[in-house]
């Protein structure tokens, strides 16, 4: 009898021990796969566990010191599992049914994944250019949330999103902290920090995991990458490289993209001679007019002259601009005149997600004999 009692006590102890192990924080389960199949993007990765996933963001803004981890669970897992909330920067239940995003660069990813109907709020809806999302905004299905720097939290809480996708320059956004305290997870998207056009575009995979559409996101990105690389190979067939100037003055300082920037990478891949291609500064290059004029007065082309939308506007801003050959020859091209019906600049929305279109635009402008059937999507000559 004593032996039977001992046996049952031992059996009960083992069951209790197993149960305790099952109820440990979900984070303690053994890692089975590290899914980091990104070819270009370095700012995020997905960790696959046996029962759940973790989305890791390691560089949401320049010089970010913290790596953010978000636990991804199904609704059933979220209700049944035990976990330590303190181990994560947010708990996200998948798939997302209602979302708020805060940058126009996020809109194309939702549309490409056929998830735009989950968007319920956006700060600055007038900046959205896409006809598909504009229709939803105009019908009241996407609420206006005010300015990105000070989101109207009252309206945001009213639409009850499952998730807010934000971006930050330093991580000190008090509004996001208020949203998190209300129980709505906030996740940082760092696509803008990436250093190459294809790395920025690869962040569609970030949205893919949020909607359980990883395979769709992979397929979409693979096509964008293939189209980009094909256009790049076509540009390599030309021997003449036109010289290119970029940017314009702001308060007597001329700002240009540095030679390691994504913008300069596209110019390199378009096989043009960007006159500041060898610079390695962080951020934009800031130069005097005299320095720029001395090097670029004879440049064949002038691309993206800040926000100026016409030759007349350039001339009014500074008589110095008319001294460039590109102004005299009317070979100045900009994307600011390609807008949605409420004035949002389409390049700022779609350009990040579709670097293949941006590259083709530049190739067509700089090498008009190539891509004969292609019509530039963003860039137009200043009139």
Foldseek 3Di string as FASTA:
>chain_A
DVVVVVVVVVVVVVVVVVVVVQQEAPVPADFDDWADPDPAADQWGWGDRPAWIKIWGDDLAPPDDDIFIETEHAPVCVVPHHHDPVVHLYYAHPQWQAEEEEFLQVQVLCVLLVNLLNYAEYAPVLQHFDPVNVVCVVVNRYYHQHHLLAGNVVVVVVSPGQEYEYGDHHPPRVNQVVVVVVVRHYHYDRLVVGAALLNSQLCSCVNCVNHVNNVSSVVLSVVLVVLQVVQLVLLVVDDDAFEEAEEADDPQKTWDQALRHNVNVLSVSLVHHHPRNPGDDPGIDIDGPVVCCVRQLAGCAYEHHDLDQALVSVCVVDVVVCSRVCSVVQRYKYQQPCGHPSRNRVCSNCVSNRVSLVSVLVNCSRPVVPPVVDDRDGMDGHD
